[in-house]
Amino acid sequence: MVRLIESFKVLEDHGLKGKKFFNGETIGYADIVIGWIAWWFEAIEDVVNIKLVDHMTVPRLLQWMKDFSGDAMIIGSLPSREVMYTYFSRKREELLATRAAK
């Protein structure tokens, strides 16, 4: 968990400082490459019912997640939140079943 937050802080401090997106005011290549964070993160938090990061920890990154995942181009290109929630719920159940079998 500490490494995740440290990695997020690097993205925030070196990639987003003074910018809306990593490219500036428009979505660029870096945003697309790490965009999975914005799309998967909320679904994972919902499935495990744990808030992994908050606005006090990485406020610029969380704002980027909101801006990125709310962009019309991105919304039309990715699966719905419901699909993501179902996918991660199933993966969690598989992981828990595997652990219980050991």
PDB file of N, CA and C in Angstrom:
ATOM      1  N   MET A   1       0.810  -1.188   0.000  1.00  0.00           N
ATOM      2  CA  MET A   1       0.000   0.000   0.000  1.00  0.00           C
ATOM      3  C   MET A   1       0.859   1.261   0.000  1.00  0.00           C
ATOM      4  N   VAL A   2       1.933   1.225   0.786  1.00  0.00           N
ATOM      5  CA  VAL A   2       2.829   2.372   0.854  1.00  0.00           C
ATOM      6  C   VAL A   2       3.452   2.635  -0.515  1.00  0.00           C
ATOM      7  N   ARG A   3       3.834   1.579  -1.218  1.00  0.00           N
ATOM      8  CA  ARG A   3       4.438   1.739  -2.547  1.00  0.00           C
ATOM      9  C   ARG A   3       3.439   2.314  -3.540  1.00  0.00           C
ATOM     10  N   LEU A   4       2.188   1.917  -3.435  1.00  0.00           N
ATOM     11  CA  LEU A   4       1.153   2.463  -4.307  1.00  0.00           C
ATOM     12  C   LEU A   4       1.036   3.964  -4.110  1.00  0.00           C
ATOM     13  N   ILE A   5       0.951   4.388  -2.874  1.00  0.00           N
ATOM     14  CA  ILE A   5       0.830   5.814  -2.578  1.00  0.00           C
ATOM     15  C   ILE A   5       2.080   6.563  -3.010  1.00  0.00           C
ATOM     16  N   GLU A   6       3.251   5.986  -2.788  1.00  0.00           N
ATOM     17  CA  GLU A   6       4.496   6.619  -3.238  1.00  0.00           C
ATOM     18  C   GLU A   6       4.504   6.784  -4.760  1.00  0.00           C
ATOM     19  N   SER A   7       4.049   5.771  -5.474  1.00  0.00           N
ATOM     20  CA  SER A   7       3.981   5.851  -6.940  1.00  0.00           C
ATOM     21  C   SER A   7       2.994   6.912  -7.382  1.00  0.00           C
ATOM     22  N   PHE A   8       1.855   6.962  -6.721  1.00  0.00           N
ATOM     23  CA  PHE A   8       0.852   7.986  -7.042  1.00  0.00           C
ATOM     24  C   PHE A   8       1.401   9.384  -6.773  1.00  0.00           C
ATOM     25  N   LYS A   9       2.183   9.536  -5.703  1.00  0.00           N
ATOM     26  CA  LYS A   9       2.754  10.844  -5.390  1.00  0.00           C
ATOM     27  C   LYS A   9       3.761  11.271  -6.468  1.00  0.00           C
ATOM     28  N   VAL A  10       4.504  10.333  -7.011  1.00  0.00           N
ATOM     29  CA  VAL A  10       5.440  10.654  -8.090  1.00  0.00           C
ATOM     30  C   VAL A  10       4.659  11.161  -9.302  1.00  0.00           C
ATOM     31  N   LEU A  11       3.592  10.446  -9.664  1.00  0.00           N
ATOM     32  CA  LEU A  11       2.763  10.892 -10.783  1.00  0.00           C
ATOM     33  C   LEU A  11       2.220  12.290 -10.528  1.00  0.00           C
ATOM     34  N   GLU A  12       1.747  12.517  -9.336  1.00  0.00           N
ATOM     35  CA  GLU A  12       1.171  13.809  -8.990  1.00  0.00           C
ATOM     36  C   GLU A  12       2.212  14.923  -9.002  1.00  0.00           C
ATOM     37  N   ASP A  13       3.332  14.700  -8.329  1.00  0.00           N
ATOM     38  CA  ASP A  13       4.332  15.751  -8.172  1.00  0.00           C
ATOM     39  C   ASP A  13       5.127  16.048  -9.434  1.00  0.00           C
ATOM     40  N   HIS A  14       5.357  15.018 -10.253  1.00  0.00           N
ATOM     41  CA  HIS A  14       6.200  15.225 -11.431  1.00  0.00           C
ATOM     42  C   HIS A  14       5.431  15.241 -12.747  1.00  0.00           C
ATOM     43  N   GLY A  15       4.245  14.700 -12.752  1.00  0.00           N
ATOM     44  CA  GLY A  15       3.499  14.644 -13.997  1.00  0.00           C
ATOM     45  C   GLY A  15       2.350  15.616 -14.099  1.00  0.00           C
ATOM     46  N   LEU A  16       1.756  15.962 -12.972  1.00  0.00           N
ATOM     47  CA  LEU A  16       0.545  16.780 -13.018  1.00  0.00           C
ATOM     48  C   LEU A  16       0.699  18.183 -12.430  1.00  0.00           C
ATOM     49  N   LYS A  17       1.832  18.473 -11.899  1.00  0.00           N
ATOM     50  CA  LYS A  17       2.027  19.775 -11.243  1.00  0.00           C
ATOM     51  C   LYS A  17       1.736  20.923 -12.212  1.00  0.00           C
ATOM     52  N   GLY A  18       0.683  21.664 -11.907  1.00  0.00           N
ATOM     53  CA  GLY A  18       0.309  22.818 -12.724  1.00  0.00           C
ATOM     54  C   GLY A  18      -0.416  22.482 -14.016  1.00  0.00           C
ATOM     55  N   LYS A  19      -0.831  21.212 -14.181  1.00  0.00           N
ATOM     56  CA  LYS A  19      -1.490  20.798 -15.418  1.00  0.00           C
ATOM     57  C   LYS A  19      -2.760  20.013 -15.122  1.00  0.00           C
ATOM     58  N   LYS A  20      -3.704  20.067 -16.038  1.00  0.00           N
ATOM     59  CA  LYS A  20      -4.932  19.290 -15.920  1.00  0.00           C
ATOM     60  C   LYS A  20      -4.677  17.828 -16.287  1.00  0.00           C
ATOM     61  N   PHE A  21      -3.945  17.621 -17.374  1.00  0.00           N
ATOM     62  CA  PHE A  21      -3.575  16.289 -17.840  1.00  0.00           C
ATOM     63  C   PHE A  21      -2.055  16.230 -17.917  1.00  0.00           C
ATOM     64  N   PHE A  22      -1.499  15.060 -18.097  1.00  0.00           N
ATOM     65  CA  PHE A  22      -0.047  14.939 -18.162  1.00  0.00           C
ATOM     66  C   PHE A  22       0.525  15.688 -19.357  1.00  0.00           C
ATOM     67  N   ASN A  23      -0.292  15.871 -20.382  1.00  0.00           N
ATOM     68  CA  ASN A  23       0.108  16.587 -21.586  1.00  0.00           C
ATOM     69  C   ASN A  23      -0.102  18.093 -21.462  1.00  0.00           C
ATOM     70  N   GLY A  24      -0.812  18.521 -20.460  1.00  0.00           N
ATOM     71  CA  GLY A  24      -1.160  19.931 -20.303  1.00  0.00           C
ATOM     72  C   GLY A  24      -2.667  20.061 -20.137  1.00  0.00           C
ATOM     73  N   GLU A  25      -3.295  20.776 -21.040  1.00  0.00           N
ATOM     74  CA  GLU A  25      -4.742  20.984 -20.960  1.00  0.00           C
ATOM     75  C   GLU A  25      -5.547  19.975 -21.771  1.00  0.00           C
ATOM     76  N   THR A  26      -4.861  19.137 -22.524  1.00  0.00           N
ATOM     77  CA  THR A  26      -5.557  18.128 -23.320  1.00  0.00           C
ATOM     78  C   THR A  26      -4.987  16.741 -23.028  1.00  0.00           C
ATOM     79  N   ILE A  27      -5.799  15.738 -23.254  1.00  0.00           N
ATOM     80  CA  ILE A  27      -5.362  14.362 -23.041  1.00  0.00           C
ATOM     81  C   ILE A  27      -4.283  14.009 -24.048  1.00  0.00           C
ATOM     82  N   GLY A  28      -3.219  13.407 -23.551  1.00  0.00           N
ATOM     83  CA  GLY A  28      -2.110  13.005 -24.410  1.00  0.00           C
ATOM     84  C   GLY A  28      -1.764  11.536 -24.209  1.00  0.00           C
ATOM     85  N   TYR A  29      -0.650  11.151 -24.763  1.00  0.00           N
ATOM     86  CA  TYR A  29      -0.209   9.757 -24.735  1.00  0.00           C
ATOM     87  C   TYR A  29      -0.058   9.225 -23.299  1.00  0.00           C
ATOM     88  N   ALA A  30       0.588   9.998 -22.424  1.00  0.00           N
ATOM     89  CA  ALA A  30       0.797   9.541 -21.046  1.00  0.00           C
ATOM     90  C   ALA A  30      -0.537   9.307 -20.343  1.00  0.00           C
ATOM     91  N   ASP A  31      -1.503  10.168 -20.590  1.00  0.00           N
ATOM     92  CA  ASP A  31      -2.827   9.990 -19.987  1.00  0.00           C
ATOM     93  C   ASP A  31      -3.456   8.678 -20.444  1.00  0.00           C
ATOM     94  N   ILE A  32      -3.330   8.388 -21.718  1.00  0.00           N
ATOM     95  CA  ILE A  32      -3.893   7.157 -22.269  1.00  0.00           C
ATOM     96  C   ILE A  32      -3.187   5.936 -21.674  1.00  0.00           C
ATOM     97  N   VAL A  33      -1.855   6.012 -21.568  1.00  0.00           N
ATOM     98  CA  VAL A  33      -1.073   4.877 -21.068  1.00  0.00           C
ATOM     99  C   VAL A  33      -1.422   4.542 -19.626  1.00  0.00           C
ATOM    100  N   ILE A  34      -1.583   5.544 -18.773  1.00  0.00           N
ATOM    101  CA  ILE A  34      -1.895   5.246 -17.372  1.00  0.00           C
ATOM    102  C   ILE A  34      -3.367   5.476 -17.036  1.00  0.00           C
ATOM    103  N   GLY A  35      -4.182   5.663 -18.047  1.00  0.00           N
ATOM    104  CA  GLY A  35      -5.599   5.903 -17.834  1.00  0.00           C
ATOM    105  C   GLY A  35      -6.336   4.783 -17.143  1.00  0.00           C
ATOM    106  N   TRP A  36      -5.797   3.573 -17.190  1.00  0.00           N
ATOM    107  CA  TRP A  36      -6.443   2.454 -16.496  1.00  0.00           C
ATOM    108  C   TRP A  36      -6.608   2.759 -15.022  1.00  0.00           C
ATOM    109  N   ILE A  37      -5.698   3.545 -14.448  1.00  0.00           N
ATOM    110  CA  ILE A  37      -5.798   3.888 -13.031  1.00  0.00           C
ATOM    111  C   ILE A  37      -7.128   4.571 -12.757  1.00  0.00           C
ATOM    112  N   ALA A  38      -7.452   5.533 -13.596  1.00  0.00           N
ATOM    113  CA  ALA A  38      -8.683   6.297 -13.401  1.00  0.00           C
ATOM    114  C   ALA A  38      -9.913   5.419 -13.542  1.00  0.00           C
ATOM    115  N   TRP A  39      -9.873   4.489 -14.461  1.00  0.00           N
ATOM    116  CA  TRP A  39     -11.063   3.693 -14.751  1.00  0.00           C
ATOM    117  C   TRP A  39     -11.219   2.517 -13.790  1.00  0.00           C
ATOM    118  N   TRP A  40     -10.139   1.872 -13.447  1.00  0.00           N
ATOM    119  CA  TRP A  40     -10.208   0.687 -12.599  1.00  0.00           C
ATOM    120  C   TRP A  40     -10.295   1.032 -11.122  1.00  0.00           C
ATOM    121  N   PHE A  41      -9.678   2.119 -10.730  1.00  0.00           N
ATOM    122  CA  PHE A  41      -9.484   2.408  -9.320  1.00  0.00           C
ATOM    123  C   PHE A  41     -10.787   2.473  -8.534  1.00  0.00           C
ATOM    124  N   GLU A  42     -11.748   3.222  -9.022  1.00  0.00           N
ATOM    125  CA  GLU A  42     -13.025   3.338  -8.320  1.00  0.00           C
ATOM    126  C   GLU A  42     -13.718   1.987  -8.199  1.00  0.00           C
ATOM    127  N   ALA A  43     -13.687   1.216  -9.255  1.00  0.00           N
ATOM    128  CA  ALA A  43     -14.340  -0.106  -9.216  1.00  0.00           C
ATOM    129  C   ALA A  43     -13.666  -1.007  -8.189  1.00  0.00           C
ATOM    130  N   ILE A  44     -12.360  -0.985  -8.132  1.00  0.00           N
ATOM    131  CA  ILE A  44     -11.645  -1.807  -7.155  1.00  0.00           C
ATOM    132  C   ILE A  44     -11.968  -1.357  -5.739  1.00  0.00           C
ATOM    133  N   GLU A  45     -11.964  -0.048  -5.508  1.00  0.00           N
ATOM    134  CA  GLU A  45     -12.311   0.458  -4.180  1.00  0.00           C
ATOM    135  C   GLU A  45     -13.725   0.038  -3.780  1.00  0.00           C
ATOM    136  N   ASP A  46     -14.652   0.096  -4.718  1.00  0.00           N
ATOM    137  CA  ASP A  46     -16.037  -0.312  -4.439  1.00  0.00           C
ATOM    138  C   ASP A  46     -16.121  -1.794  -4.085  1.00  0.00           C
ATOM    139  N   VAL A  47     -15.409  -2.626  -4.827  1.00  0.00           N
ATOM    140  CA  VAL A  47     -15.465  -4.074  -4.605  1.00  0.00           C
ATOM    141  C   VAL A  47     -14.891  -4.450  -3.246  1.00  0.00           C
ATOM    142  N   VAL A  48     -13.761  -3.877  -2.875  1.00  0.00           N
ATOM    143  CA  VAL A  48     -13.134  -4.237  -1.604  1.00  0.00           C
ATOM    144  C   VAL A  48     -13.626  -3.371  -0.450  1.00  0.00           C
ATOM    145  N   ASN A  49     -14.425  -2.361  -0.773  1.00  0.00           N
ATOM    146  CA  ASN A  49     -15.019  -1.466   0.223  1.00  0.00           C
ATOM    147  C   ASN A  49     -13.961  -0.807   1.107  1.00  0.00           C
ATOM    148  N   ILE A  50     -12.894  -0.345   0.450  1.00  0.00           N
ATOM    149  CA  ILE A  50     -11.809   0.351   1.139  1.00  0.00           C
ATOM    150  C   ILE A  50     -11.406   1.552   0.297  1.00  0.00           C
ATOM    151  N   LYS A  51     -11.234   2.681   0.925  1.00  0.00           N
ATOM    152  CA  LYS A  51     -10.729   3.869   0.253  1.00  0.00           C
ATOM    153  C   LYS A  51      -9.208   3.798   0.317  1.00  0.00           C
ATOM    154  N   LEU A  52      -8.565   3.646  -0.824  1.00  0.00           N
ATOM    155  CA  LEU A  52      -7.114   3.470  -0.859  1.00  0.00           C
ATOM    156  C   LEU A  52      -6.354   4.783  -0.776  1.00  0.00           C
ATOM    157  N   VAL A  53      -6.864   5.808  -1.417  1.00  0.00           N
ATOM    158  CA  VAL A  53      -6.248   7.128  -1.333  1.00  0.00           C
ATOM    159  C   VAL A  53      -7.351   8.170  -1.194  1.00  0.00           C
ATOM    160  N   ASP A  54      -6.971   9.327  -0.671  1.00  0.00           N
ATOM    161  CA  ASP A  54      -7.965  10.382  -0.504  1.00  0.00           C
ATOM    162  C   ASP A  54      -7.436  11.710  -1.035  1.00  0.00           C
ATOM    163  N   HIS A  55      -8.278  12.714  -0.957  1.00  0.00           N
ATOM    164  CA  HIS A  55      -7.905  14.028  -1.489  1.00  0.00           C
ATOM    165  C   HIS A  55      -6.766  14.686  -0.711  1.00  0.00           C
ATOM    166  N   MET A  56      -6.558  14.270   0.510  1.00  0.00           N
ATOM    167  CA  MET A  56      -5.447  14.822   1.287  1.00  0.00           C
ATOM    168  C   MET A  56      -4.114  14.242   0.825  1.00  0.00           C
ATOM    169  N   THR A  57      -4.142  13.034   0.325  1.00  0.00           N
ATOM    170  CA  THR A  57      -2.915  12.344  -0.072  1.00  0.00           C
ATOM    171  C   THR A  57      -2.454  12.754  -1.464  1.00  0.00           C
ATOM    172  N   VAL A  58      -3.342  12.641  -2.449  1.00  0.00           N
ATOM    173  CA  VAL A  58      -2.986  12.948  -3.843  1.00  0.00           C
ATOM    174  C   VAL A  58      -4.139  13.713  -4.533  1.00  0.00           C
ATOM    175  N   PRO A  59      -4.357  14.957  -4.146  1.00  0.00           N
ATOM    176  CA  PRO A  59      -5.493  15.699  -4.690  1.00  0.00           C
ATOM    177  C   PRO A  59      -5.429  15.926  -6.200  1.00  0.00           C
ATOM    178  N   ARG A  60      -4.253  16.217  -6.743  1.00  0.00           N
ATOM    179  CA  ARG A  60      -4.149  16.453  -8.195  1.00  0.00           C
ATOM    180  C   ARG A  60      -4.421  15.181  -8.979  1.00  0.00           C
ATOM    181  N   LEU A  61      -3.927  14.043  -8.481  1.00  0.00           N
ATOM    182  CA  LEU A  61      -4.145  12.778  -9.181  1.00  0.00           C
ATOM    183  C   LEU A  61      -5.624  12.404  -9.153  1.00  0.00           C
ATOM    184  N   LEU A  62      -6.290  12.606  -8.031  1.00  0.00           N
ATOM    185  CA  LEU A  62      -7.715  12.296  -7.967  1.00  0.00           C
ATOM    186  C   LEU A  62      -8.520  13.220  -8.880  1.00  0.00           C
ATOM    187  N   GLN A  63      -8.117  14.482  -8.980  1.00  0.00           N
ATOM    188  CA  GLN A  63      -8.795  15.387  -9.918  1.00  0.00           C
ATOM    189  C   GLN A  63      -8.541  14.949 -11.346  1.00  0.00           C
ATOM    190  N   TRP A  64      -7.301  14.504 -11.638  1.00  0.00           N
ATOM    191  CA  TRP A  64      -6.996  13.986 -12.973  1.00  0.00           C
ATOM    192  C   TRP A  64      -7.878  12.780 -13.286  1.00  0.00           C
ATOM    193  N   MET A  65      -8.034  11.862 -12.313  1.00  0.00           N
ATOM    194  CA  MET A  65      -8.880  10.684 -12.520  1.00  0.00           C
ATOM    195  C   MET A  65     -10.296  11.117 -12.916  1.00  0.00           C
ATOM    196  N   LYS A  66     -10.815  12.095 -12.212  1.00  0.00           N
ATOM    197  CA  LYS A  66     -12.162  12.592 -12.490  1.00  0.00           C
ATOM    198  C   LYS A  66     -12.231  13.234 -13.883  1.00  0.00           C
ATOM    199  N   ASP A  67     -11.266  14.081 -14.201  1.00  0.00           N
ATOM    200  CA  ASP A  67     -11.248  14.749 -15.512  1.00  0.00           C
ATOM    201  C   ASP A  67     -11.064  13.751 -16.646  1.00  0.00           C
ATOM    202  N   PHE A  68     -10.145  12.817 -16.467  1.00  0.00           N
ATOM    203  CA  PHE A  68      -9.857  11.834 -17.506  1.00  0.00           C
ATOM    204  C   PHE A  68     -11.055  10.932 -17.749  1.00  0.00           C
ATOM    205  N   SER A  69     -11.572  10.337 -16.680  1.00  0.00           N
ATOM    206  CA  SER A  69     -12.672   9.386 -16.856  1.00  0.00           C
ATOM    207  C   SER A  69     -13.974  10.063 -17.239  1.00  0.00           C
ATOM    208  N   GLY A  70     -14.067  11.374 -17.054  1.00  0.00           N
ATOM    209  CA  GLY A  70     -15.263  12.112 -17.443  1.00  0.00           C
ATOM    210  C   GLY A  70     -15.223  12.666 -18.851  1.00  0.00           C
ATOM    211  N   ASP A  71     -14.106  12.545 -19.522  1.00  0.00           N
ATOM    212  CA  ASP A  71     -13.972  13.061 -20.889  1.00  0.00           C
ATOM    213  C   ASP A  71     -14.822  12.230 -21.851  1.00  0.00           C
ATOM    214  N   ALA A  72     -15.530  12.889 -22.742  1.00  0.00           N
ATOM    215  CA  ALA A  72     -16.450  12.200 -23.664  1.00  0.00           C
ATOM    216  C   ALA A  72     -15.741  11.138 -24.507  1.00  0.00           C
ATOM    217  N   MET A  73     -14.532  11.420 -24.953  1.00  0.00           N
ATOM    218  CA  MET A  73     -13.781  10.457 -25.758  1.00  0.00           C
ATOM    219  C   MET A  73     -13.476   9.195 -24.949  1.00  0.00           C
ATOM    220  N   ILE A  74     -13.142   9.363 -23.693  1.00  0.00           N
ATOM    221  CA  ILE A  74     -12.783   8.238 -22.840  1.00  0.00           C
ATOM    222  C   ILE A  74     -14.030   7.445 -22.456  1.00  0.00           C
ATOM    223  N   ILE A  75     -15.075   8.133 -22.055  1.00  0.00           N
ATOM    224  CA  ILE A  75     -16.312   7.457 -21.656  1.00  0.00           C
ATOM    225  C   ILE A  75     -16.798   6.519 -22.755  1.00  0.00           C
ATOM    226  N   GLY A  76     -16.726   6.949 -23.996  1.00  0.00           N
ATOM    227  CA  GLY A  76     -17.195   6.139 -25.111  1.00  0.00           C
ATOM    228  C   GLY A  76     -16.283   4.990 -25.492  1.00  0.00           C
ATOM    229  N   SER A  77     -15.097   4.932 -24.880  1.00  0.00           N
ATOM    230  CA  SER A  77     -14.111   3.923 -25.262  1.00  0.00           C
ATOM    231  C   SER A  77     -13.908   2.814 -24.236  1.00  0.00           C
ATOM    232  N   LEU A  78     -14.478   2.961 -23.065  1.00  0.00           N
ATOM    233  CA  LEU A  78     -14.205   2.019 -21.990  1.00  0.00           C
ATOM    234  C   LEU A  78     -15.487   1.354 -21.488  1.00  0.00           C
ATOM    235  N   PRO A  79     -15.357   0.204 -20.837  1.00  0.00           N
ATOM    236  CA  PRO A  79     -16.542  -0.489 -20.308  1.00  0.00           C
ATOM    237  C   PRO A  79     -17.210   0.330 -19.206  1.00  0.00           C
ATOM    238  N   SER A  80     -18.480   0.076 -18.985  1.00  0.00           N
ATOM    239  CA  SER A  80     -19.225   0.799 -17.960  1.00  0.00           C
ATOM    240  C   SER A  80     -18.720   0.445 -16.569  1.00  0.00           C
ATOM    241  N   ARG A  81     -19.050   1.277 -15.605  1.00  0.00           N
ATOM    242  CA  ARG A  81     -18.685   1.007 -14.209  1.00  0.00           C
ATOM    243  C   ARG A  81     -19.301  -0.310 -13.741  1.00  0.00           C
ATOM    244  N   GLU A  82     -20.512  -0.590 -14.189  1.00  0.00           N
ATOM    245  CA  GLU A  82     -21.182  -1.824 -13.794  1.00  0.00           C
ATOM    246  C   GLU A  82     -20.408  -3.047 -14.283  1.00  0.00           C
ATOM    247  N   VAL A  83     -19.936  -2.992 -15.513  1.00  0.00           N
ATOM    248  CA  VAL A  83     -19.144  -4.092 -16.069  1.00  0.00           C
ATOM    249  C   VAL A  83     -17.850  -4.250 -15.273  1.00  0.00           C
ATOM    250  N   MET A  84     -17.215  -3.138 -14.951  1.00  0.00           N
ATOM    251  CA  MET A  84     -15.971  -3.188 -14.180  1.00  0.00           C
ATOM    252  C   MET A  84     -16.229  -3.742 -12.780  1.00  0.00           C
ATOM    253  N   TYR A  85     -17.293  -3.303 -12.148  1.00  0.00           N
ATOM    254  CA  TYR A  85     -17.625  -3.781 -10.810  1.00  0.00           C
ATOM    255  C   TYR A  85     -17.861  -5.295 -10.827  1.00  0.00           C
ATOM    256  N   THR A  86     -18.622  -5.752 -11.799  1.00  0.00           N
ATOM    257  CA  THR A  86     -18.894  -7.187 -11.922  1.00  0.00           C
ATOM    258  C   THR A  86     -17.605  -7.966 -12.134  1.00  0.00           C
ATOM    259  N   TYR A  87     -16.737  -7.478 -13.011  1.00  0.00           N
ATOM    260  CA  TYR A  87     -15.467  -8.138 -13.298  1.00  0.00           C
ATOM    261  C   TYR A  87     -14.611  -8.258 -12.036  1.00  0.00           C
ATOM    262  N   PHE A  88     -14.417  -7.144 -11.318  1.00  0.00           N
ATOM    263  CA  PHE A  88     -13.570  -7.164 -10.138  1.00  0.00           C
ATOM    264  C   PHE A  88     -14.211  -7.930  -8.980  1.00  0.00           C
ATOM    265  N   SER A  89     -15.521  -7.927  -8.892  1.00  0.00           N
ATOM    266  CA  SER A  89     -16.204  -8.732  -7.867  1.00  0.00           C
ATOM    267  C   SER A  89     -15.940 -10.214  -8.103  1.00  0.00           C
ATOM    268  N   ARG A  90     -16.036 -10.625  -9.346  1.00  0.00           N
ATOM    269  CA  ARG A  90     -15.782 -12.024  -9.697  1.00  0.00           C
ATOM    270  C   ARG A  90     -14.320 -12.393  -9.418  1.00  0.00           C
ATOM    271  N   LYS A  91     -13.405 -11.521  -9.766  1.00  0.00           N
ATOM    272  CA  LYS A  91     -11.980 -11.783  -9.517  1.00  0.00           C
ATOM    273  C   LYS A  91     -11.697 -11.877  -8.019  1.00  0.00           C
ATOM    274  N   ARG A  92     -12.333 -11.021  -7.243  1.00  0.00           N
ATOM    275  CA  ARG A  92     -12.158 -11.059  -5.785  1.00  0.00           C
ATOM    276  C   ARG A  92     -12.660 -12.382  -5.229  1.00  0.00           C
ATOM    277  N   GLU A  93     -13.822 -12.808  -5.664  1.00  0.00           N
ATOM    278  CA  GLU A  93     -14.383 -14.082  -5.201  1.00  0.00           C
ATOM    279  C   GLU A  93     -13.473 -15.249  -5.564  1.00  0.00           C
ATOM    280  N   GLU A  94     -12.901 -15.234  -6.770  1.00  0.00           N
ATOM    281  CA  GLU A  94     -11.980 -16.290  -7.187  1.00  0.00           C
ATOM    282  C   GLU A  94     -10.736 -16.297  -6.286  1.00  0.00           C
ATOM    283  N   LEU A  95     -10.203 -15.118  -5.994  1.00  0.00           N
ATOM    284  CA  LEU A  95      -9.022 -15.011  -5.144  1.00  0.00           C
ATOM    285  C   LEU A  95      -9.323 -15.520  -3.733  1.00  0.00           C
ATOM    286  N   LEU A  96     -10.448 -15.116  -3.188  1.00  0.00           N
ATOM    287  CA  LEU A  96     -10.824 -15.576  -1.848  1.00  0.00           C
ATOM    288  C   LEU A  96     -11.036 -17.084  -1.813  1.00  0.00           C
ATOM    289  N   ALA A  97     -11.638 -17.642  -2.862  1.00  0.00           N
ATOM    290  CA  ALA A  97     -11.850 -19.090  -2.928  1.00  0.00           C
ATOM    291  C   ALA A  97     -10.513 -19.826  -3.010  1.00  0.00           C
ATOM    292  N   THR A  98      -9.579 -19.289  -3.758  1.00  0.00           N
ATOM    293  CA  THR A  98      -8.255 -19.889  -3.875  1.00  0.00           C
ATOM    294  C   THR A  98      -7.541 -19.875  -2.541  1.00  0.00           C
ATOM    295  N   ARG A  99      -7.626 -18.762  -1.833  1.00  0.00           N
ATOM    296  CA  ARG A  99      -6.977 -18.669  -0.524  1.00  0.00           C
ATOM    297  C   ARG A  99      -7.608 -19.640   0.475  1.00  0.00           C
ATOM    298  N   ALA A 100      -8.934 -19.763   0.424  1.00  0.00           N
ATOM    299  CA  ALA A 100      -9.624 -20.662   1.351  1.00  0.00           C
ATOM    300  C   ALA A 100      -9.278 -22.122   1.081  1.00  0.00           C
ATOM    301  N   ALA A 101      -8.966 -22.432  -0.158  1.00  0.00           N
ATOM    302  CA  ALA A 101      -8.636 -23.814  -0.525  1.00  0.00           C
ATOM    303  C   ALA A 101      -7.240 -24.223  -0.091  1.00  0.00           C
ATOM    304  N   LYS A 102      -6.398 -23.262   0.240  1.00  0.00           N
ATOM    305  CA  LYS A 102      -4.999 -23.583   0.617  1.00  0.00           C
ATOM    306  C   LYS A 102      -4.877 -24.071   2.022  1.00  0.00           C
TER     307      LYS A 102
END
